């Protein structure tokens, strides 16, 4: 059974007014998700609790009105808490990977190739038209290899342990071994 993953996208502020609106803060890289989600999650009492969005009010700041949440005391319980989305709403791996690529945070990650068993350390990210390339050094060698960053080859990414599991085409990393 696969467990649901959650991605922090921002936080809630204090209530605003008396009609049940709450200040809503979203990290800039996730603002585009607001059009795609109909609920968020808040960590409460040891679990992620969904809150369904009635409407957003985007004047000077983002305000949100949640369905069935009109009582000021209930709103105070979720004020100043972090907000999350789940992998049932969006492809979390895709968003994490895009963000890591954009910020060059993949440098220093270890790539493990499922096919060859070879691992490499990412030294740089090269941007080419239509394709990002990972400049990596094979472990146990000083040779650099360019690895195309293809989403279909990505099996998993673990930012905490700085590891990427890929399913690279046969021969991509071991071309020089035949010499």
C-alpha atoms as a PDB file:
ATOM      1  CA  UNK A   1       0.000   0.000   0.000  1.00  0.00           C
ATOM      2  CA  UNK A   2       1.457   3.345  -1.066  1.00  0.00           C
ATOM      3  CA  UNK A   3       1.321   6.153   1.479  1.00  0.00           C
ATOM      4  CA  UNK A   4       0.168   9.617   0.507  1.00  0.00           C
ATOM      5  CA  UNK A   5       2.889  12.254   0.241  1.00  0.00           C
ATOM      6  CA  UNK A   6       2.372  15.882   1.199  1.00  0.00           C
ATOM      7  CA  UNK A   7       4.132  19.015   0.022  1.00  0.00           C
ATOM      8  CA  UNK A   8       4.239  22.212   2.069  1.00  0.00           C
ATOM      9  CA  UNK A   9       3.144  25.139  -0.098  1.00  0.00           C
ATOM     10  CA  UNK A  10       2.724  27.908   2.482  1.00  0.00           C
ATOM     11  CA  UNK A  11       0.801  28.814   5.585  1.00  0.00           C
ATOM     12  CA  UNK A  12      -2.310  30.342   7.053  1.00  0.00           C
ATOM     13  CA  UNK A  13      -2.354  33.612   8.928  1.00  0.00           C
ATOM     14  CA  UNK A  14      -4.911  35.040  11.296  1.00  0.00           C
ATOM     15  CA  UNK A  15      -8.588  35.377  10.531  1.00  0.00           C
ATOM     16  CA  UNK A  16      -9.670  38.446   8.578  1.00  0.00           C
ATOM     17  CA  UNK A  17     -12.971  40.099   9.346  1.00  0.00           C
ATOM     18  CA  UNK A  18     -16.015  38.326  10.700  1.00  0.00           C
ATOM     19  CA  UNK A  19     -17.157  36.361   7.658  1.00  0.00           C
ATOM     20  CA  UNK A  20     -14.760  33.420   8.073  1.00  0.00           C
ATOM     21  CA  UNK A  21     -11.860  34.506   5.853  1.00  0.00           C
ATOM     22  CA  UNK A  22      -8.270  33.620   6.707  1.00  0.00           C
ATOM     23  CA  UNK A  23      -5.007  35.131   5.444  1.00  0.00           C
ATOM     24  CA  UNK A  24      -3.383  32.667   3.053  1.00  0.00           C
ATOM     25  CA  UNK A  25       0.348  32.733   2.282  1.00  0.00           C
ATOM     26  CA  UNK A  26       1.721  30.635  -0.584  1.00  0.00           C
ATOM     27  CA  UNK A  27       5.373  30.280  -1.542  1.00  0.00           C
ATOM     28  CA  UNK A  28       5.918  32.028  -4.867  1.00  0.00           C
ATOM     29  CA  UNK A  29       6.917  28.844  -6.685  1.00  0.00           C
ATOM     30  CA  UNK A  30       3.507  27.303  -5.839  1.00  0.00           C
ATOM     31  CA  UNK A  31       1.185  30.256  -6.565  1.00  0.00           C
ATOM     32  CA  UNK A  32       0.133  28.732  -9.884  1.00  0.00           C
ATOM     33  CA  UNK A  33      -1.367  25.783  -7.977  1.00  0.00           C
ATOM     34  CA  UNK A  34      -4.149  27.935  -6.551  1.00  0.00           C
ATOM     35  CA  UNK A  35      -6.165  27.481  -9.757  1.00  0.00           C
ATOM     36  CA  UNK A  36      -5.753  23.691  -9.607  1.00  0.00           C
ATOM     37  CA  UNK A  37      -6.657  22.825  -6.025  1.00  0.00           C
ATOM     38  CA  UNK A  38     -10.025  22.725  -4.299  1.00  0.00           C
ATOM     39  CA  UNK A  39      -8.682  21.907  -0.837  1.00  0.00           C
ATOM     40  CA  UNK A  40      -5.565  22.091   1.300  1.00  0.00           C
ATOM     41  CA  UNK A  41      -4.344  20.078   4.276  1.00  0.00           C
ATOM     42  CA  UNK A  42      -3.397  21.272   7.741  1.00  0.00           C
ATOM     43  CA  UNK A  43      -1.455  19.104  10.208  1.00  0.00           C
ATOM     44  CA  UNK A  44      -3.687  18.730  13.278  1.00  0.00           C
ATOM     45  CA  UNK A  45      -3.571  16.251  16.125  1.00  0.00           C
ATOM     46  CA  UNK A  46      -1.120  13.949  14.363  1.00  0.00           C
ATOM     47  CA  UNK A  47      -2.759  13.820  10.931  1.00  0.00           C
ATOM     48  CA  UNK A  48      -3.350  15.830   7.772  1.00  0.00           C
ATOM     49  CA  UNK A  49      -6.864  17.289   7.864  1.00  0.00           C
ATOM     50  CA  UNK A  50      -8.437  18.520   4.602  1.00  0.00           C
ATOM     51  CA  UNK A  51     -10.075  21.941   4.381  1.00  0.00           C
ATOM     52  CA  UNK A  52     -12.170  22.544   1.288  1.00  0.00           C
ATOM     53  CA  UNK A  53     -11.874  25.970  -0.282  1.00  0.00           C
ATOM     54  CA  UNK A  54     -15.065  27.906  -0.851  1.00  0.00           C
ATOM     55  CA  UNK A  55     -13.362  30.867  -2.524  1.00  0.00           C
ATOM     56  CA  UNK A  56     -10.194  32.925  -2.744  1.00  0.00           C
ATOM     57  CA  UNK A  57     -10.258  36.690  -2.392  1.00  0.00           C
ATOM     58  CA  UNK A  58      -7.144  38.226  -3.913  1.00  0.00           C
ATOM     59  CA  UNK A  59      -7.121  41.958  -3.200  1.00  0.00           C
ATOM     60  CA  UNK A  60      -3.966  43.235  -1.492  1.00  0.00           C
ATOM     61  CA  UNK A  61      -3.323  39.836   0.027  1.00  0.00           C
ATOM     62  CA  UNK A  62      -4.741  36.375  -0.539  1.00  0.00           C
ATOM     63  CA  UNK A  63      -7.691  35.567   1.674  1.00  0.00           C
ATOM     64  CA  UNK A  64      -9.431  32.214   1.687  1.00  0.00           C
ATOM     65  CA  UNK A  65     -12.893  31.186   2.796  1.00  0.00           C
ATOM     66  CA  UNK A  66     -13.264  27.501   3.660  1.00  0.00           C
ATOM     67  CA  UNK A  67     -16.470  25.505   3.281  1.00  0.00           C
ATOM     68  CA  UNK A  68     -18.270  24.804   6.566  1.00  0.00           C
ATOM     69  CA  UNK A  69     -15.846  26.972   8.539  1.00  0.00           C
ATOM     70  CA  UNK A  70     -17.647  30.085   9.742  1.00  0.00           C
ATOM     71  CA  UNK A  71     -17.017  30.050  13.479  1.00  0.00           C
ATOM     72  CA  UNK A  72     -14.240  32.414  14.595  1.00  0.00           C
ATOM     73  CA  UNK A  73     -13.096  29.930  17.281  1.00  0.00           C
ATOM     74  CA  UNK A  74     -12.731  27.117  14.719  1.00  0.00           C
ATOM     75  CA  UNK A  75     -10.818  29.433  12.417  1.00  0.00           C
ATOM     76  CA  UNK A  76      -8.502  30.372  15.293  1.00  0.00           C
ATOM     77  CA  UNK A  77      -7.584  26.664  15.613  1.00  0.00           C
ATOM     78  CA  UNK A  78      -6.048  26.603  12.134  1.00  0.00           C
ATOM     79  CA  UNK A  79      -4.567  30.125  12.175  1.00  0.00           C
ATOM     80  CA  UNK A  80      -0.794  30.367  11.731  1.00  0.00           C
ATOM     81  CA  UNK A  81      -0.448  26.741  10.595  1.00  0.00           C
ATOM     82  CA  UNK A  82       1.448  25.372   7.595  1.00  0.00           C
ATOM     83  CA  UNK A  83      -0.604  24.279   4.571  1.00  0.00           C
ATOM     84  CA  UNK A  84       0.032  21.282   2.355  1.00  0.00           C
ATOM     85  CA  UNK A  85      -1.199  19.637  -0.848  1.00  0.00           C
ATOM     86  CA  UNK A  86      -1.139  15.895  -1.458  1.00  0.00           C
ATOM     87  CA  UNK A  87       0.158  13.756  -4.296  1.00  0.00           C
ATOM     88  CA  UNK A  88      -3.489  12.913  -5.022  1.00  0.00           C
ATOM     89  CA  UNK A  89      -3.929  16.552  -6.141  1.00  0.00           C
ATOM     90  CA  UNK A  90      -0.654  17.166  -7.977  1.00  0.00           C
ATOM     91  CA  UNK A  91       2.433  15.248  -9.078  1.00  0.00           C
ATOM     92  CA  UNK A  92       4.656  16.125  -6.119  1.00  0.00           C
ATOM     93  CA  UNK A  93       7.771  14.520  -7.619  1.00  0.00           C
ATOM     94  CA  UNK A  94       7.413  16.718 -10.702  1.00  0.00           C
ATOM     95  CA  UNK A  95       7.099  19.911  -8.648  1.00  0.00           C
ATOM     96  CA  UNK A  96       9.976  19.006  -6.328  1.00  0.00           C
ATOM     97  CA  UNK A  97      12.189  18.043  -9.260  1.00  0.00           C
ATOM     98  CA  UNK A  98      11.390  21.215 -11.226  1.00  0.00           C
ATOM     99  CA  UNK A  99      12.117  23.336  -8.174  1.00  0.00           C
ATOM    100  CA  UNK A 100      15.384  21.520  -7.463  1.00  0.00           C
ATOM    101  CA  UNK A 101      16.462  21.919 -11.097  1.00  0.00           C
ATOM    102  CA  UNK A 102      15.624  25.628 -11.153  1.00  0.00           C
ATOM    103  CA  UNK A 103      17.601  26.341  -8.018  1.00  0.00           C
ATOM    104  CA  UNK A 104      20.561  24.063  -8.888  1.00  0.00           C
ATOM    105  CA  UNK A 105      19.944  22.193  -5.631  1.00  0.00           C
ATOM    106  CA  UNK A 106      20.579  18.869  -7.372  1.00  0.00           C
ATOM    107  CA  UNK A 107      24.311  19.616  -7.353  1.00  0.00           C
ATOM    108  CA  UNK A 108      25.893  17.148  -4.940  1.00  0.00           C
ATOM    109  CA  UNK A 109      23.071  14.591  -5.291  1.00  0.00           C
ATOM    110  CA  UNK A 110      23.999  10.984  -6.034  1.00  0.00           C
ATOM    111  CA  UNK A 111      22.387   9.328  -9.063  1.00  0.00           C
ATOM    112  CA  UNK A 112      21.856   5.568  -8.828  1.00  0.00           C
ATOM    113  CA  UNK A 113      21.219   3.846 -12.153  1.00  0.00           C
ATOM    114  CA  UNK A 114      18.923   0.829 -11.742  1.00  0.00           C
ATOM    115  CA  UNK A 115      20.150  -0.811 -14.958  1.00  0.00           C
ATOM    116  CA  UNK A 116      23.922  -0.729 -14.531  1.00  0.00           C
ATOM    117  CA  UNK A 117      24.240  -0.292 -10.762  1.00  0.00           C
ATOM    118  CA  UNK A 118      26.619   2.605 -11.429  1.00  0.00           C
ATOM    119  CA  UNK A 119      26.357   5.737  -9.319  1.00  0.00           C
ATOM    120  CA  UNK A 120      27.451   9.285 -10.103  1.00  0.00           C
ATOM    121  CA  UNK A 121      27.687  12.572  -8.225  1.00  0.00           C
ATOM    122  CA  UNK A 122      26.071  15.592  -9.907  1.00  0.00           C
ATOM    123  CA  UNK A 123      28.588  18.444 -10.291  1.00  0.00           C
ATOM    124  CA  UNK A 124      26.596  20.850 -12.465  1.00  0.00           C
ATOM    125  CA  UNK A 125      23.380  21.312 -14.413  1.00  0.00           C
ATOM    126  CA  UNK A 126      23.717  22.412 -18.025  1.00  0.00           C
ATOM    127  CA  UNK A 127      20.724  23.997 -19.713  1.00  0.00           C
ATOM    128  CA  UNK A 128      20.354  23.276 -23.400  1.00  0.00           C
ATOM    129  CA  UNK A 129      17.346  24.178 -25.558  1.00  0.00           C
ATOM    130  CA  UNK A 130      14.624  21.676 -24.674  1.00  0.00           C
ATOM    131  CA  UNK A 131      16.860  19.583 -22.417  1.00  0.00           C
ATOM    132  CA  UNK A 132      18.628  19.860 -19.066  1.00  0.00           C
ATOM    133  CA  UNK A 133      21.817  17.834 -18.800  1.00  0.00           C
ATOM    134  CA  UNK A 134      23.361  16.664 -15.546  1.00  0.00           C
ATOM    135  CA  UNK A 135      27.162  16.867 -15.519  1.00  0.00           C
ATOM    136  CA  UNK A 136      28.184  14.079 -13.178  1.00  0.00           C
ATOM    137  CA  UNK A 137      31.313  12.250 -12.092  1.00  0.00           C
ATOM    138  CA  UNK A 138      31.169   8.482 -11.909  1.00  0.00           C
ATOM    139  CA  UNK A 139      32.030   7.159  -8.466  1.00  0.00           C
ATOM    140  CA  UNK A 140      35.457   5.550  -8.433  1.00  0.00           C
ATOM    141  CA  UNK A 141      36.488   7.527 -11.501  1.00  0.00           C
ATOM    142  CA  UNK A 142      37.425  11.065 -12.379  1.00  0.00           C
ATOM    143  CA  UNK A 143      35.554  10.925 -15.684  1.00  0.00           C
ATOM    144  CA  UNK A 144      32.600  13.212 -16.245  1.00  0.00           C
ATOM    145  CA  UNK A 145      29.458  12.078 -18.009  1.00  0.00           C
ATOM    146  CA  UNK A 146      26.528  14.095 -19.343  1.00  0.00           C
ATOM    147  CA  UNK A 147      23.210  12.566 -18.407  1.00  0.00           C
ATOM    148  CA  UNK A 148      20.048  13.867 -20.090  1.00  0.00           C
ATOM    149  CA  UNK A 149      17.460  14.702 -17.457  1.00  0.00           C
ATOM    150  CA  UNK A 150      14.441  12.873 -18.844  1.00  0.00           C
ATOM    151  CA  UNK A 151      11.359  12.685 -16.600  1.00  0.00           C
ATOM    152  CA  UNK A 152      10.506   9.198 -17.896  1.00  0.00           C
ATOM    153  CA  UNK A 153      13.889   7.929 -16.665  1.00  0.00           C
ATOM    154  CA  UNK A 154      13.347   9.338 -13.170  1.00  0.00           C
ATOM    155  CA  UNK A 155      12.196   6.653 -10.751  1.00  0.00           C
ATOM    156  CA  UNK A 156      12.432   8.636  -7.537  1.00  0.00           C
ATOM    157  CA  UNK A 157      14.090  11.513  -5.764  1.00  0.00           C
ATOM    158  CA  UNK A 158      14.936  11.798  -2.080  1.00  0.00           C
ATOM    159  CA  UNK A 159      15.910  15.386  -1.233  1.00  0.00           C
ATOM    160  CA  UNK A 160      16.564  14.505   2.402  1.00  0.00           C
ATOM    161  CA  UNK A 161      19.280  11.959   1.510  1.00  0.00           C
ATOM    162  CA  UNK A 162      20.297  13.785  -1.707  1.00  0.00           C
ATOM    163  CA  UNK A 163      19.649  10.709  -3.854  1.00  0.00           C
ATOM    164  CA  UNK A 164      18.084  10.209  -7.267  1.00  0.00           C
ATOM    165  CA  UNK A 165      17.136   6.825  -8.686  1.00  0.00           C
ATOM    166  CA  UNK A 166      17.029   6.692 -12.471  1.00  0.00           C
ATOM    167  CA  UNK A 167      16.429   3.991 -15.056  1.00  0.00           C
ATOM    168  CA  UNK A 168      18.992   5.020 -17.675  1.00  0.00           C
ATOM    169  CA  UNK A 169      19.293   3.382 -21.103  1.00  0.00           C
ATOM    170  CA  UNK A 170      21.805   0.547 -21.257  1.00  0.00           C
ATOM    171  CA  UNK A 171      25.293   1.733 -22.051  1.00  0.00           C
ATOM    172  CA  UNK A 172      24.801   5.394 -21.207  1.00  0.00           C
ATOM    173  CA  UNK A 173      27.136   5.270 -18.204  1.00  0.00           C
ATOM    174  CA  UNK A 174      29.381   2.360 -19.145  1.00  0.00           C
ATOM    175  CA  UNK A 175      30.376   3.344 -22.713  1.00  0.00           C
ATOM    176  CA  UNK A 176      34.067   3.621 -21.828  1.00  0.00           C
ATOM    177  CA  UNK A 177      34.327   0.226 -20.099  1.00  0.00           C
ATOM    178  CA  UNK A 178      34.683  -1.685 -23.390  1.00  0.00           C
ATOM    179  CA  UNK A 179      37.986   0.050 -24.291  1.00  0.00           C
END
